[in-house]
Each structure stands twice: as C-alpha cells, then as structure tokens.
Amino acid sequence: MKRSVFLLTCWIPVYHCLCVTPKVPCSPELSVDITDSVYDSFTGTRTKNNITFTQYNYFVDNGTIRGCICNVTTCVRKCCPLKEEIGPEKACVSNEDTWRNYSDVIPNNFTYAFVPSFLVCQNKLRFQLYPLEGREGEAFSIDINGHLQYKTINLDAENFCLAYFSPENISGALICIKQEDNSDPLYYYGKNNS
C-alpha cells in the first residue's frame, strides 16, 4: 500500500509536467518580443521601453520572451511591421521612405503601442475598410481604448489591424467579421483560415 501511494505521488507531478500545457496569458499575435527587457528578480517583472510586464503578462515561446502588450497598455494592431505596407499582391512590402502615424484614424490625445501582426481570420471573412474620409459607407475610426468603430461594430485588436495600402495610397484597416447577409456589402479581402 505504501509503495502504491509513493508511486502515485511521484507520478502525478511528472504527468502534470509532461501533459499539461501552461496557459499563455495572451494571444501570441498580440504580444511583442521583450527578450532584451530588464528583469527584476525581486518582483518577477520585466521592463522594456518604459513598459513593465508583470509575471502574469509575459511568456516564453521557442526561447523568445513575449510580452502581452495589450494587457498592460492600449494597443493598436498594425498589419505589417514598421516601414512596411500592403502592396498590390495583398502582402507586406518594404517602404523605407515612409513612416505612417495613422493620425487620420487614431486620436491624437492618447498613448498606444503598435503591435505588428498580420490579421488571420479564423472562420470569418476579411474585409478592407477606409478611414472617415475614405470610401462612402466604409468609414471607421479608432477610439481611445484602441478599438475600431465601424457603424454599430466595435472590434478589439484581435479582429482588426491598420495598414497603409500602397496600391490606393491610403491608410485603412482589415477586419474579421462574419457577414450574415448581403445587406452591408464590404470590400472582400480574402478568407484566411490558417
């Protein structure tokens, strides 16, 4: 009996370590690389660019320390990395000559962090929108919480990203939504289930 209790108490921690995947505090798409952050061993926090991540707001992914930026500050997802924009083939292309601050859609009176991550729409459709002075019927704006406002739709960073579209020479957004009917036709930008 003692031997079976001993084996059981030894097996449970091993089973837990081998079979239970640790919970990640945020979506990897909404995280930033903070591998080179300053670590405080007393509090377990990491600080990078004056932003502090508690031990519950970062994780390790394949040797890279990722910080959940949207958990600690207002964030806005950018479809492409800095100094890149969406080209004619609907992919990010380099444009070293430009820096887009998206002042036409982001309010000037709040602080936010860009999270570069292209939009993957799981079981939803991807549509392209334009800012307030864009195409009629497709006007959107970003509120002070970093959410995209489009008509009666309020989307967080999981469901949209900002981009500069070089073919049209305009800033805009890609959004993920389920379009139930054709009452509000949008510019379809491709389905992506990967």
C-alpha atoms as a PDB file:
ATOM      1  CA  MET A   1       0.000   0.000   0.000  1.00  0.00           C
ATOM      2  CA  LYS A   2       2.782   2.422   0.896  1.00  0.00           C
ATOM      3  CA  ARG A   3       4.537   1.660  -2.378  1.00  0.00           C
ATOM      4  CA  SER A   4       1.404   2.410  -4.449  1.00  0.00           C
ATOM      5  CA  VAL A   5       0.891   5.729  -2.603  1.00  0.00           C
ATOM      6  CA  PHE A   6       4.552   6.606  -3.237  1.00  0.00           C
ATOM      7  CA  LEU A   7       4.276   5.791  -6.939  1.00  0.00           C
ATOM      8  CA  LEU A   8       1.061   7.775  -7.252  1.00  0.00           C
ATOM      9  CA  THR A   9       2.528  10.849  -5.547  1.00  0.00           C
ATOM     10  CA  CYS A  10       5.587  10.672  -7.791  1.00  0.00           C
ATOM     11  CA  TRP A  11       3.603  10.068 -10.983  1.00  0.00           C
ATOM     12  CA  ILE A  12       1.119  12.952 -10.597  1.00  0.00           C
ATOM     13  CA  PRO A  13       3.749  15.761 -10.768  1.00  0.00           C
ATOM     14  CA  VAL A  14       5.518  14.047 -13.693  1.00  0.00           C
ATOM     15  CA  TYR A  15       2.200  13.578 -15.536  1.00  0.00           C
ATOM     16  CA  HIS A  16       1.323  17.219 -14.884  1.00  0.00           C
ATOM     17  CA  CYS A  17       4.664  18.455 -16.250  1.00  0.00           C
ATOM     18  CA  LEU A  18       4.515  16.238 -19.327  1.00  0.00           C
ATOM     19  CA  CYS A  19       0.847  16.520 -20.247  1.00  0.00           C
ATOM     20  CA  VAL A  20      -0.468  19.899 -19.088  1.00  0.00           C
ATOM     21  CA  THR A  21       0.339  22.823 -21.353  1.00  0.00           C
ATOM     22  CA  PRO A  22       0.914  26.071 -19.457  1.00  0.00           C
ATOM     23  CA  LYS A  23      -1.693  28.749 -20.128  1.00  0.00           C
ATOM     24  CA  VAL A  24      -0.420  31.622 -22.248  1.00  0.00           C
ATOM     25  CA  PRO A  25      -1.679  34.980 -20.872  1.00  0.00           C
ATOM     26  CA  CYS A  26      -2.469  36.430 -24.309  1.00  0.00           C
ATOM     27  CA  SER A  27      -2.628  35.613 -27.969  1.00  0.00           C
ATOM     28  CA  PRO A  28       0.887  35.317 -29.459  1.00  0.00           C
ATOM     29  CA  GLU A  29      -0.292  37.624 -32.273  1.00  0.00           C
ATOM     30  CA  LEU A  30      -0.887  40.370 -29.700  1.00  0.00           C
ATOM     31  CA  SER A  31       2.475  40.046 -27.991  1.00  0.00           C
ATOM     32  CA  VAL A  32       5.840  41.710 -28.533  1.00  0.00           C
ATOM     33  CA  ASP A  33       9.396  40.431 -28.182  1.00  0.00           C
ATOM     34  CA  ILE A  34      10.770  41.507 -24.786  1.00  0.00           C
ATOM     35  CA  THR A  35      13.717  39.102 -24.673  1.00  0.00           C
ATOM     36  CA  ASP A  36      16.088  42.050 -24.170  1.00  0.00           C
ATOM     37  CA  SER A  37      13.976  43.536 -21.347  1.00  0.00           C
ATOM     38  CA  VAL A  38      15.314  44.315 -17.867  1.00  0.00           C
ATOM     39  CA  TYR A  39      14.345  41.584 -15.393  1.00  0.00           C
ATOM     40  CA  ASP A  40      13.615  42.382 -11.734  1.00  0.00           C
ATOM     41  CA  SER A  41      14.224  39.148  -9.817  1.00  0.00           C
ATOM     42  CA  PHE A  42      12.528  40.503  -6.670  1.00  0.00           C
ATOM     43  CA  THR A  43       9.149  41.236  -8.324  1.00  0.00           C
ATOM     44  CA  GLY A  44       9.427  38.924 -11.342  1.00  0.00           C
ATOM     45  CA  THR A  45       8.648  41.820 -13.681  1.00  0.00           C
ATOM     46  CA  ARG A  46      10.265  42.697 -16.998  1.00  0.00           C
ATOM     47  CA  THR A  47      10.588  46.251 -18.315  1.00  0.00           C
ATOM     48  CA  LYS A  48      11.167  47.367 -21.892  1.00  0.00           C
ATOM     49  CA  ASN A  49      10.679  50.856 -23.369  1.00  0.00           C
ATOM     50  CA  ASN A  50       9.298  52.076 -20.011  1.00  0.00           C
ATOM     51  CA  ILE A  51       6.548  49.443 -20.087  1.00  0.00           C
ATOM     52  CA  THR A  52       6.523  46.954 -17.209  1.00  0.00           C
ATOM     53  CA  PHE A  53       5.187  43.441 -17.677  1.00  0.00           C
ATOM     54  CA  THR A  54       4.207  41.534 -14.530  1.00  0.00           C
ATOM     55  CA  GLN A  55       4.990  37.829 -14.336  1.00  0.00           C
ATOM     56  CA  TYR A  56       1.406  37.189 -15.491  1.00  0.00           C
ATOM     57  CA  ASN A  57       1.826  39.256 -18.654  1.00  0.00           C
ATOM     58  CA  TYR A  58       4.725  37.535 -20.381  1.00  0.00           C
ATOM     59  CA  PHE A  59       5.586  34.040 -21.538  1.00  0.00           C
ATOM     60  CA  VAL A  60       8.349  32.143 -23.329  1.00  0.00           C
ATOM     61  CA  ASP A  61       7.727  30.952 -26.877  1.00  0.00           C
ATOM     62  CA  ASN A  62      10.518  28.911 -28.515  1.00  0.00           C
ATOM     63  CA  GLY A  63      13.185  30.681 -26.463  1.00  0.00           C
ATOM     64  CA  THR A  64      11.767  34.178 -27.088  1.00  0.00           C
ATOM     65  CA  ILE A  65      10.225  36.079 -24.184  1.00  0.00           C
ATOM     66  CA  ARG A  66       6.909  37.580 -25.360  1.00  0.00           C
ATOM     67  CA  GLY A  67       5.136  40.398 -23.524  1.00  0.00           C
ATOM     68  CA  CYS A  68       1.357  40.805 -23.592  1.00  0.00           C
ATOM     69  CA  ILE A  69       1.433  44.462 -24.567  1.00  0.00           C
ATOM     70  CA  CYS A  70      -2.355  44.796 -24.878  1.00  0.00           C
ATOM     71  CA  ASN A  71      -2.747  43.640 -21.253  1.00  0.00           C
ATOM     72  CA  VAL A  72      -0.586  46.488 -19.920  1.00  0.00           C
ATOM     73  CA  THR A  73      -1.305  49.419 -22.256  1.00  0.00           C
ATOM     74  CA  THR A  74      -3.657  50.424 -25.050  1.00  0.00           C
ATOM     75  CA  CYS A  75      -2.552  48.748 -28.232  1.00  0.00           C
ATOM     76  CA  VAL A  76      -3.391  49.019 -31.900  1.00  0.00           C
ATOM     77  CA  ARG A  77      -2.585  46.153 -34.226  1.00  0.00           C
ATOM     78  CA  LYS A  78      -0.624  47.056 -37.354  1.00  0.00           C
ATOM     79  CA  CYS A  79      -0.939  44.600 -40.252  1.00  0.00           C
ATOM     80  CA  CYS A  80       2.705  44.939 -41.284  1.00  0.00           C
ATOM     81  CA  PRO A  81       5.960  45.651 -39.436  1.00  0.00           C
ATOM     82  CA  LEU A  82       7.152  49.252 -39.171  1.00  0.00           C
ATOM     83  CA  LYS A  83       8.261  50.740 -42.505  1.00  0.00           C
ATOM     84  CA  GLU A  84       6.198  48.196 -44.407  1.00  0.00           C
ATOM     85  CA  GLU A  85       2.837  48.497 -46.116  1.00  0.00           C
ATOM     86  CA  ILE A  86       0.431  46.283 -48.014  1.00  0.00           C
ATOM     87  CA  GLY A  87       1.386  46.082 -51.675  1.00  0.00           C
ATOM     88  CA  PRO A  88      -0.563  45.125 -54.789  1.00  0.00           C
ATOM     89  CA  GLU A  89      -0.288  41.385 -54.025  1.00  0.00           C
ATOM     90  CA  LYS A  90      -2.020  41.835 -50.630  1.00  0.00           C
ATOM     91  CA  ALA A  91       1.215  41.145 -48.759  1.00  0.00           C
ATOM     92  CA  CYS A  92       3.550  43.315 -46.700  1.00  0.00           C
ATOM     93  CA  VAL A  93       6.275  45.023 -48.727  1.00  0.00           C
ATOM     94  CA  SER A  94       9.125  47.244 -47.592  1.00  0.00           C
ATOM     95  CA  ASN A  95       8.829  51.004 -47.871  1.00  0.00           C
ATOM     96  CA  GLU A  96      11.800  52.572 -46.078  1.00  0.00           C
ATOM     97  CA  ASP A  97      10.854  56.081 -47.228  1.00  0.00           C
ATOM     98  CA  THR A  98       7.679  56.417 -45.217  1.00  0.00           C
ATOM     99  CA  TRP A  99       6.527  56.429 -41.643  1.00  0.00           C
ATOM    100  CA  ARG A 100       2.768  56.235 -41.188  1.00  0.00           C
ATOM    101  CA  ASN A 101       1.412  57.548 -37.917  1.00  0.00           C
ATOM    102  CA  TYR A 102      -2.231  56.946 -38.843  1.00  0.00           C
ATOM    103  CA  SER A 103      -3.224  60.351 -37.490  1.00  0.00           C
ATOM    104  CA  ASP A 104      -6.213  60.242 -39.825  1.00  0.00           C
ATOM    105  CA  VAL A 105      -7.745  57.393 -37.786  1.00  0.00           C
ATOM    106  CA  ILE A 106      -6.072  57.401 -34.334  1.00  0.00           C
ATOM    107  CA  PRO A 107      -6.932  60.196 -31.887  1.00  0.00           C
ATOM    108  CA  ASN A 108      -4.010  62.484 -31.104  1.00  0.00           C
ATOM    109  CA  ASN A 109      -4.812  62.646 -27.387  1.00  0.00           C
ATOM    110  CA  PHE A 110      -3.965  59.136 -26.241  1.00  0.00           C
ATOM    111  CA  THR A 111      -0.933  56.897 -25.912  1.00  0.00           C
ATOM    112  CA  TYR A 112      -0.857  53.497 -27.574  1.00  0.00           C
ATOM    113  CA  ALA A 113       1.575  50.824 -28.726  1.00  0.00           C
ATOM    114  CA  PHE A 114       1.639  49.337 -32.214  1.00  0.00           C
ATOM    115  CA  VAL A 115       1.614  45.536 -32.370  1.00  0.00           C
ATOM    116  CA  PRO A 116       2.818  44.370 -35.797  1.00  0.00           C
ATOM    117  CA  SER A 117       0.884  41.239 -36.734  1.00  0.00           C
ATOM    118  CA  PHE A 118      -0.983  40.377 -39.921  1.00  0.00           C
ATOM    119  CA  LEU A 119      -4.636  39.525 -39.455  1.00  0.00           C
ATOM    120  CA  VAL A 120      -5.643  35.856 -39.526  1.00  0.00           C
ATOM    121  CA  CYS A 121      -9.409  35.446 -39.552  1.00  0.00           C
ATOM    122  CA  GLN A 122     -10.439  32.098 -38.079  1.00  0.00           C
ATOM    123  CA  ASN A 123     -13.736  31.027 -39.709  1.00  0.00           C
ATOM    124  CA  LYS A 124     -14.532  34.625 -40.592  1.00  0.00           C
ATOM    125  CA  LEU A 125     -14.109  36.811 -43.645  1.00  0.00           C
ATOM    126  CA  ARG A 126     -11.521  39.559 -44.004  1.00  0.00           C
ATOM    127  CA  PHE A 127     -12.693  42.933 -45.281  1.00  0.00           C
ATOM    128  CA  GLN A 128     -10.960  46.211 -46.053  1.00  0.00           C
ATOM    129  CA  LEU A 129     -12.222  49.498 -44.593  1.00  0.00           C
ATOM    130  CA  TYR A 130     -11.151  53.096 -45.077  1.00  0.00           C
ATOM    131  CA  PRO A 131     -10.982  55.929 -42.527  1.00  0.00           C
ATOM    132  CA  LEU A 132     -13.568  58.669 -42.120  1.00  0.00           C
ATOM    133  CA  GLU A 133     -12.551  60.443 -45.305  1.00  0.00           C
ATOM    134  CA  GLY A 134     -12.351  57.144 -47.199  1.00  0.00           C
ATOM    135  CA  ARG A 135     -14.909  55.455 -49.400  1.00  0.00           C
ATOM    136  CA  GLU A 136     -18.505  56.287 -48.581  1.00  0.00           C
ATOM    137  CA  GLY A 137     -20.127  53.696 -46.333  1.00  0.00           C
ATOM    138  CA  GLU A 138     -16.810  52.242 -45.166  1.00  0.00           C
ATOM    139  CA  ALA A 139     -15.805  54.957 -42.702  1.00  0.00           C
ATOM    140  CA  PHE A 140     -14.234  53.823 -39.427  1.00  0.00           C
ATOM    141  CA  SER A 141     -12.317  55.322 -36.534  1.00  0.00           C
ATOM    142  CA  ILE A 142     -10.203  54.150 -33.591  1.00  0.00           C
ATOM    143  CA  ASP A 143     -11.457  55.044 -30.107  1.00  0.00           C
ATOM    144  CA  ILE A 144      -9.337  55.851 -27.048  1.00  0.00           C
ATOM    145  CA  ASN A 145      -9.409  52.174 -25.992  1.00  0.00           C
ATOM    146  CA  GLY A 146      -7.736  51.132 -29.240  1.00  0.00           C
ATOM    147  CA  HIS A 147     -10.957  49.592 -30.605  1.00  0.00           C
ATOM    148  CA  LEU A 148     -12.098  50.026 -34.175  1.00  0.00           C
ATOM    149  CA  GLN A 149     -15.555  51.592 -34.522  1.00  0.00           C
ATOM    150  CA  TYR A 150     -17.450  50.818 -37.718  1.00  0.00           C
ATOM    151  CA  LYS A 151     -21.166  51.618 -37.787  1.00  0.00           C
ATOM    152  CA  THR A 152     -22.509  49.570 -34.860  1.00  0.00           C
ATOM    153  CA  ILE A 153     -19.491  47.232 -34.739  1.00  0.00           C
ATOM    154  CA  ASN A 154     -16.829  47.569 -32.019  1.00  0.00           C
ATOM    155  CA  LEU A 155     -13.704  45.448 -32.672  1.00  0.00           C
ATOM    156  CA  ASP A 156     -10.703  44.899 -30.410  1.00  0.00           C
ATOM    157  CA  ALA A 157      -7.145  44.263 -31.635  1.00  0.00           C
ATOM    158  CA  GLU A 158      -7.876  40.543 -32.130  1.00  0.00           C
ATOM    159  CA  ASN A 159     -10.238  41.370 -35.002  1.00  0.00           C
ATOM    160  CA  PHE A 160      -8.627  44.222 -36.940  1.00  0.00           C
ATOM    161  CA  CYS A 161      -5.326  45.700 -37.994  1.00  0.00           C
ATOM    162  CA  LEU A 162      -4.315  49.026 -39.526  1.00  0.00           C
ATOM    163  CA  ALA A 163      -2.354  49.228 -42.755  1.00  0.00           C
ATOM    164  CA  TYR A 164      -1.246  51.580 -45.456  1.00  0.00           C
ATOM    165  CA  PHE A 165      -2.366  50.245 -48.818  1.00  0.00           C
ATOM    166  CA  SER A 166       0.190  51.305 -51.418  1.00  0.00           C
ATOM    167  CA  PRO A 167      -1.977  50.498 -54.463  1.00  0.00           C
ATOM    168  CA  GLU A 168      -4.599  53.028 -53.285  1.00  0.00           C
ATOM    169  CA  ASN A 169      -2.157  55.305 -51.387  1.00  0.00           C
ATOM    170  CA  ILE A 170      -4.433  55.416 -48.359  1.00  0.00           C
ATOM    171  CA  SER A 171      -4.420  54.133 -44.808  1.00  0.00           C
ATOM    172  CA  GLY A 172      -7.155  51.738 -43.843  1.00  0.00           C
ATOM    173  CA  ALA A 173      -7.965  48.641 -41.853  1.00  0.00           C
ATOM    174  CA  LEU A 174      -8.574  44.962 -42.337  1.00  0.00           C
ATOM    175  CA  ILE A 175     -11.318  43.499 -40.170  1.00  0.00           C
ATOM    176  CA  CYS A 176     -12.548  39.992 -39.352  1.00  0.00           C
ATOM    177  CA  ILE A 177     -16.304  39.586 -39.193  1.00  0.00           C
ATOM    178  CA  LYS A 178     -18.968  37.087 -40.087  1.00  0.00           C
ATOM    179  CA  GLN A 179     -21.138  38.633 -42.730  1.00  0.00           C
ATOM    180  CA  GLU A 180     -24.538  37.033 -42.189  1.00  0.00           C
ATOM    181  CA  ASP A 181     -26.250  38.595 -45.176  1.00  0.00           C
ATOM    182  CA  ASN A 182     -25.546  40.929 -48.063  1.00  0.00           C
ATOM    183  CA  SER A 183     -27.296  43.932 -46.512  1.00  0.00           C
ATOM    184  CA  ASP A 184     -23.986  45.674 -45.812  1.00  0.00           C
ATOM    185  CA  PRO A 185     -21.618  44.846 -48.668  1.00  0.00           C
ATOM    186  CA  LEU A 186     -17.964  45.335 -47.821  1.00  0.00           C
ATOM    187  CA  TYR A 187     -14.819  45.096 -49.894  1.00  0.00           C
ATOM    188  CA  TYR A 188     -13.896  41.404 -49.511  1.00  0.00           C
ATOM    189  CA  TYR A 189     -10.193  40.982 -48.869  1.00  0.00           C
ATOM    190  CA  GLY A 190      -9.945  37.185 -48.762  1.00  0.00           C
ATOM    191  CA  LYS A 191     -10.781  34.395 -46.347  1.00  0.00           C
ATOM    192  CA  ASN A 192      -7.965  33.111 -44.215  1.00  0.00           C
ATOM    193  CA  ASN A 193      -8.388  30.064 -42.006  1.00  0.00           C
ATOM    194  CA  SER A 194      -4.735  29.350 -41.346  1.00  0.00           C
END
